[in-house]
């Protein structure tokens, strides 16, 4: 936990003991979510085929305009002789 105590001109000075008690109170109210986090991560991580991994990577690149961050790479890839369906430029023009 990270607590920050702000003091204004009309608030009394809080001693470090008072601050410590305040933090301890909140700490005792907290719950351990380590097991739940591990369970969630295990559900999110799964073994996939290389085809699915490749499909996910391509979707990330195309759907989130990743190439627009790298205009020189975008230009080079679009100058390669491809079938129309393989062209990245064609993908973006059809959107």
N, C-alpha and C. Protein backbone atom coordinates (compact mmCIF):
# COMPACT_ATOMS: atom_id res chain seq x y z
N UNK A 1 0.83 -1.18 0.00
CA UNK A 1 0.00 0.00 0.00
C UNK A 1 0.87 1.23 0.00
N UNK A 2 0.36 2.27 -0.60
CA UNK A 2 1.07 3.52 -0.65
C UNK A 2 0.11 4.61 -0.22
N UNK A 3 0.37 5.25 0.90
CA UNK A 3 -0.48 6.32 1.40
C UNK A 3 0.26 7.64 1.33
N UNK A 4 -0.44 8.66 0.93
CA UNK A 4 0.10 10.00 0.94
C UNK A 4 -0.82 10.85 1.80
N UNK A 5 -0.27 11.56 2.73
CA UNK A 5 -1.05 12.42 3.61
C UNK A 5 -0.78 13.86 3.24
N UNK A 6 -1.82 14.53 2.81
CA UNK A 6 -1.68 15.94 2.46
C UNK A 6 -2.09 16.80 3.65
N UNK A 7 -1.36 17.87 3.84
CA UNK A 7 -1.69 18.77 4.94
C UNK A 7 -2.14 20.10 4.36
N UNK A 8 -3.23 20.60 4.88
CA UNK A 8 -3.67 21.93 4.48
C UNK A 8 -3.38 22.89 5.62
N UNK A 9 -3.56 24.17 5.38
CA UNK A 9 -3.23 25.19 6.38
C UNK A 9 -4.09 25.04 7.63
N UNK A 10 -5.33 24.56 7.48
CA UNK A 10 -6.21 24.47 8.65
C UNK A 10 -6.36 23.04 9.19
N UNK A 11 -5.50 22.11 8.77
CA UNK A 11 -5.57 20.77 9.36
C UNK A 11 -4.43 20.61 10.36
N UNK A 12 -4.71 19.92 11.44
CA UNK A 12 -3.66 19.74 12.45
C UNK A 12 -2.56 18.81 11.94
N UNK A 13 -1.40 18.97 12.52
CA UNK A 13 -0.28 18.08 12.19
C UNK A 13 -0.59 16.69 12.72
N UNK A 14 -0.48 15.70 11.84
CA UNK A 14 -0.67 14.32 12.27
C UNK A 14 0.70 13.74 12.59
N UNK A 15 0.79 13.13 13.74
CA UNK A 15 2.06 12.53 14.10
C UNK A 15 2.27 11.26 13.28
N UNK A 16 3.50 10.81 13.23
CA UNK A 16 3.79 9.59 12.48
C UNK A 16 3.08 8.40 13.11
N UNK A 17 2.84 8.43 14.41
CA UNK A 17 2.12 7.35 15.09
C UNK A 17 0.67 7.29 14.60
N UNK A 18 0.04 8.44 14.48
CA UNK A 18 -1.34 8.50 13.99
C UNK A 18 -1.41 8.00 12.55
N UNK A 19 -0.46 8.41 11.73
CA UNK A 19 -0.42 7.96 10.34
C UNK A 19 -0.22 6.45 10.28
N UNK A 20 0.67 5.95 11.13
CA UNK A 20 0.96 4.52 11.15
C UNK A 20 -0.31 3.74 11.53
N UNK A 21 -1.04 4.21 12.52
CA UNK A 21 -2.28 3.54 12.94
C UNK A 21 -3.31 3.54 11.81
N UNK A 22 -3.37 4.64 11.09
CA UNK A 22 -4.31 4.76 9.97
C UNK A 22 -3.97 3.74 8.88
N UNK A 23 -2.71 3.63 8.55
CA UNK A 23 -2.26 2.68 7.53
C UNK A 23 -2.49 1.25 8.00
N UNK A 24 -2.18 0.96 9.25
CA UNK A 24 -2.40 -0.38 9.80
C UNK A 24 -3.87 -0.78 9.73
N UNK A 25 -4.76 0.17 10.01
CA UNK A 25 -6.20 -0.10 9.96
C UNK A 25 -6.60 -0.53 8.55
N UNK A 26 -6.12 0.18 7.55
CA UNK A 26 -6.45 -0.15 6.17
C UNK A 26 -5.80 -1.47 5.75
N UNK A 27 -4.61 -1.73 6.23
CA UNK A 27 -3.92 -2.98 5.91
C UNK A 27 -4.71 -4.17 6.43
N UNK A 28 -5.23 -4.05 7.64
CA UNK A 28 -6.01 -5.14 8.24
C UNK A 28 -7.31 -5.39 7.47
N UNK A 29 -7.86 -4.37 6.83
CA UNK A 29 -9.08 -4.53 6.04
C UNK A 29 -8.81 -5.20 4.69
N UNK A 30 -7.56 -5.20 4.28
CA UNK A 30 -7.20 -5.76 2.97
C UNK A 30 -7.34 -7.27 2.93
N UNK A 31 -7.45 -7.78 1.71
CA UNK A 31 -7.57 -9.22 1.51
C UNK A 31 -6.47 -9.68 0.57
N UNK A 32 -6.05 -10.92 0.76
CA UNK A 32 -5.02 -11.51 -0.09
C UNK A 32 -5.69 -12.06 -1.35
N UNK A 33 -5.30 -11.53 -2.51
CA UNK A 33 -5.86 -11.97 -3.78
C UNK A 33 -4.86 -12.74 -4.62
N UNK A 34 -3.76 -13.17 -3.99
CA UNK A 34 -2.71 -13.86 -4.73
C UNK A 34 -3.26 -15.09 -5.46
N UNK A 35 -4.04 -15.91 -4.79
CA UNK A 35 -4.56 -17.13 -5.42
C UNK A 35 -5.49 -16.79 -6.58
N UNK A 36 -6.32 -15.76 -6.41
CA UNK A 36 -7.23 -15.36 -7.47
C UNK A 36 -6.48 -14.82 -8.68
N UNK A 37 -5.40 -14.08 -8.44
CA UNK A 37 -4.60 -13.53 -9.54
C UNK A 37 -3.92 -14.68 -10.30
N UNK A 38 -3.36 -15.63 -9.58
CA UNK A 38 -2.72 -16.78 -10.22
C UNK A 38 -3.74 -17.55 -11.05
N UNK A 39 -4.93 -17.76 -10.50
CA UNK A 39 -5.99 -18.47 -11.22
C UNK A 39 -6.37 -17.71 -12.50
N UNK A 40 -6.51 -16.40 -12.41
CA UNK A 40 -6.85 -15.59 -13.58
C UNK A 40 -5.76 -15.69 -14.64
N UNK A 41 -4.50 -15.57 -14.24
CA UNK A 41 -3.40 -15.66 -15.20
C UNK A 41 -3.35 -17.03 -15.87
N UNK A 42 -3.60 -18.07 -15.10
CA UNK A 42 -3.61 -19.41 -15.69
C UNK A 42 -4.73 -19.57 -16.71
N UNK A 43 -5.88 -18.93 -16.46
CA UNK A 43 -6.99 -18.99 -17.41
C UNK A 43 -6.67 -18.20 -18.68
N UNK A 44 -5.95 -17.09 -18.52
CA UNK A 44 -5.62 -16.24 -19.66
C UNK A 44 -4.51 -16.85 -20.52
N UNK A 45 -3.61 -17.59 -19.89
CA UNK A 45 -2.52 -18.23 -20.63
C UNK A 45 -2.98 -19.60 -21.06
N UNK A 46 -2.88 -19.85 -22.33
CA UNK A 46 -3.26 -21.17 -22.81
C UNK A 46 -2.33 -21.58 -23.94
N UNK A 47 -2.20 -22.87 -24.11
CA UNK A 47 -1.38 -23.39 -25.21
C UNK A 47 -2.21 -23.28 -26.48
N UNK A 48 -1.62 -22.68 -27.50
CA UNK A 48 -2.31 -22.53 -28.77
C UNK A 48 -1.43 -23.07 -29.88
N UNK A 49 -2.05 -23.27 -31.00
CA UNK A 49 -1.29 -23.71 -32.16
C UNK A 49 -0.53 -22.52 -32.74
N UNK A 50 0.46 -22.79 -33.57
CA UNK A 50 1.21 -21.70 -34.18
C UNK A 50 0.29 -20.90 -35.10
N UNK A 51 -0.72 -21.57 -35.69
CA UNK A 51 -1.64 -20.87 -36.59
C UNK A 51 -2.46 -19.83 -35.83
N UNK A 52 -2.93 -20.23 -34.65
CA UNK A 52 -3.72 -19.28 -33.85
C UNK A 52 -2.85 -18.13 -33.35
N UNK A 53 -1.63 -18.44 -32.94
CA UNK A 53 -0.71 -17.39 -32.48
C UNK A 53 -0.41 -16.41 -33.61
N UNK A 54 -0.18 -16.93 -34.81
CA UNK A 54 0.08 -16.07 -35.96
C UNK A 54 -1.15 -15.23 -36.29
N UNK A 55 -2.32 -15.83 -36.24
CA UNK A 55 -3.57 -15.09 -36.52
C UNK A 55 -3.77 -13.96 -35.51
N UNK A 56 -3.49 -14.23 -34.24
CA UNK A 56 -3.63 -13.19 -33.21
C UNK A 56 -2.64 -12.05 -33.45
N UNK A 57 -1.41 -12.40 -33.82
CA UNK A 57 -0.39 -11.38 -34.07
C UNK A 57 -0.78 -10.52 -35.26
N UNK A 58 -1.26 -11.14 -36.32
CA UNK A 58 -1.68 -10.39 -37.52
C UNK A 58 -2.84 -9.47 -37.17
N UNK A 59 -3.79 -9.97 -36.40
CA UNK A 59 -4.92 -9.14 -35.99
C UNK A 59 -4.45 -7.94 -35.19
N UNK A 60 -3.52 -8.14 -34.26
CA UNK A 60 -2.98 -7.03 -33.48
C UNK A 60 -2.37 -5.97 -34.39
N UNK A 61 -1.60 -6.43 -35.36
CA UNK A 61 -0.92 -5.50 -36.27
C UNK A 61 -1.92 -4.72 -37.11
N UNK A 62 -2.87 -5.42 -37.70
CA UNK A 62 -3.80 -4.77 -38.62
C UNK A 62 -4.90 -3.98 -37.93
N UNK A 63 -5.49 -4.55 -36.91
CA UNK A 63 -6.63 -3.91 -36.28
C UNK A 63 -6.25 -2.67 -35.46
N UNK A 64 -5.05 -2.63 -34.97
CA UNK A 64 -4.68 -1.52 -34.09
C UNK A 64 -3.69 -0.57 -34.75
N UNK A 65 -3.67 -0.57 -36.08
CA UNK A 65 -2.86 0.38 -36.86
C UNK A 65 -1.40 0.42 -36.42
N UNK A 66 -0.86 -0.71 -36.07
CA UNK A 66 0.52 -0.81 -35.61
C UNK A 66 1.48 -0.27 -36.65
N UNK A 67 1.21 -0.53 -37.94
CA UNK A 67 2.12 -0.12 -39.00
C UNK A 67 2.21 1.39 -39.14
N UNK A 68 1.19 2.11 -38.76
CA UNK A 68 1.22 3.57 -38.92
C UNK A 68 2.27 4.22 -38.01
N UNK A 69 2.73 3.48 -37.02
CA UNK A 69 3.79 3.99 -36.15
C UNK A 69 5.15 3.88 -36.81
N UNK A 70 5.24 3.08 -37.88
CA UNK A 70 6.50 2.83 -38.57
C UNK A 70 6.31 3.07 -40.07
N UNK A 71 6.23 4.34 -40.48
CA UNK A 71 5.90 4.65 -41.88
C UNK A 71 6.89 4.08 -42.90
N UNK A 72 8.17 4.01 -42.58
CA UNK A 72 9.14 3.46 -43.54
C UNK A 72 8.90 1.97 -43.76
N UNK A 73 8.65 1.24 -42.70
CA UNK A 73 8.35 -0.18 -42.83
C UNK A 73 7.04 -0.38 -43.58
N UNK A 74 6.06 0.42 -43.27
CA UNK A 74 4.76 0.37 -43.94
C UNK A 74 4.94 0.57 -45.45
N UNK A 75 5.74 1.56 -45.81
CA UNK A 75 6.01 1.87 -47.23
C UNK A 75 6.72 0.70 -47.92
N UNK A 76 7.76 0.17 -47.30
CA UNK A 76 8.51 -0.95 -47.89
C UNK A 76 7.62 -2.17 -48.11
N UNK A 77 6.83 -2.49 -47.13
CA UNK A 77 5.96 -3.66 -47.25
C UNK A 77 4.91 -3.48 -48.34
N UNK A 78 4.47 -2.26 -48.54
CA UNK A 78 3.47 -2.01 -49.58
C UNK A 78 4.08 -1.97 -50.97
N UNK A 79 5.39 -1.84 -51.07
CA UNK A 79 6.06 -1.84 -52.38
C UNK A 79 6.45 -3.24 -52.84
N UNK A 80 6.25 -4.23 -52.00
CA UNK A 80 6.53 -5.62 -52.37
C UNK A 80 5.39 -6.10 -53.29
N UNK A 81 5.75 -6.86 -54.30
CA UNK A 81 4.76 -7.38 -55.23
C UNK A 81 3.94 -8.47 -54.54
N UNK A 82 2.69 -8.16 -54.25
CA UNK A 82 1.80 -9.09 -53.57
C UNK A 82 0.48 -9.22 -54.32
N UNK A 83 -0.27 -10.23 -54.02
CA UNK A 83 -1.63 -10.31 -54.51
C UNK A 83 -2.41 -9.20 -53.82
N UNK A 84 -3.45 -8.68 -54.43
CA UNK A 84 -4.22 -7.59 -53.80
C UNK A 84 -4.71 -7.93 -52.38
N UNK A 85 -5.10 -9.16 -52.16
CA UNK A 85 -5.60 -9.55 -50.83
C UNK A 85 -4.50 -9.54 -49.77
N UNK A 86 -3.23 -9.59 -50.19
CA UNK A 86 -2.12 -9.63 -49.24
C UNK A 86 -1.62 -8.23 -48.89
N UNK A 87 -2.07 -7.23 -49.61
CA UNK A 87 -1.56 -5.87 -49.42
C UNK A 87 -2.10 -5.23 -48.15
N UNK A 88 -1.22 -4.69 -47.37
CA UNK A 88 -1.64 -3.97 -46.16
C UNK A 88 -2.37 -2.70 -46.55
N UNK A 89 -1.90 -2.04 -47.59
CA UNK A 89 -2.54 -0.81 -48.05
C UNK A 89 -3.98 -1.10 -48.45
N UNK A 90 -4.21 -2.20 -49.15
CA UNK A 90 -5.57 -2.57 -49.56
C UNK A 90 -6.45 -2.80 -48.33
N UNK A 91 -5.88 -3.39 -47.30
CA UNK A 91 -6.64 -3.62 -46.07
C UNK A 91 -7.14 -2.31 -45.49
N UNK A 92 -6.25 -1.32 -45.41
CA UNK A 92 -6.63 -0.04 -44.81
C UNK A 92 -7.55 0.77 -45.72
N UNK A 93 -7.42 0.64 -47.02
CA UNK A 93 -8.29 1.38 -47.93
C UNK A 93 -9.70 0.84 -47.91
N UNK A 94 -9.86 -0.43 -47.60
CA UNK A 94 -11.20 -1.04 -47.54
C UNK A 94 -11.90 -0.79 -46.22
N UNK A 95 -11.24 -0.22 -45.26
CA UNK A 95 -11.87 0.04 -43.96
C UNK A 95 -12.73 1.28 -44.00
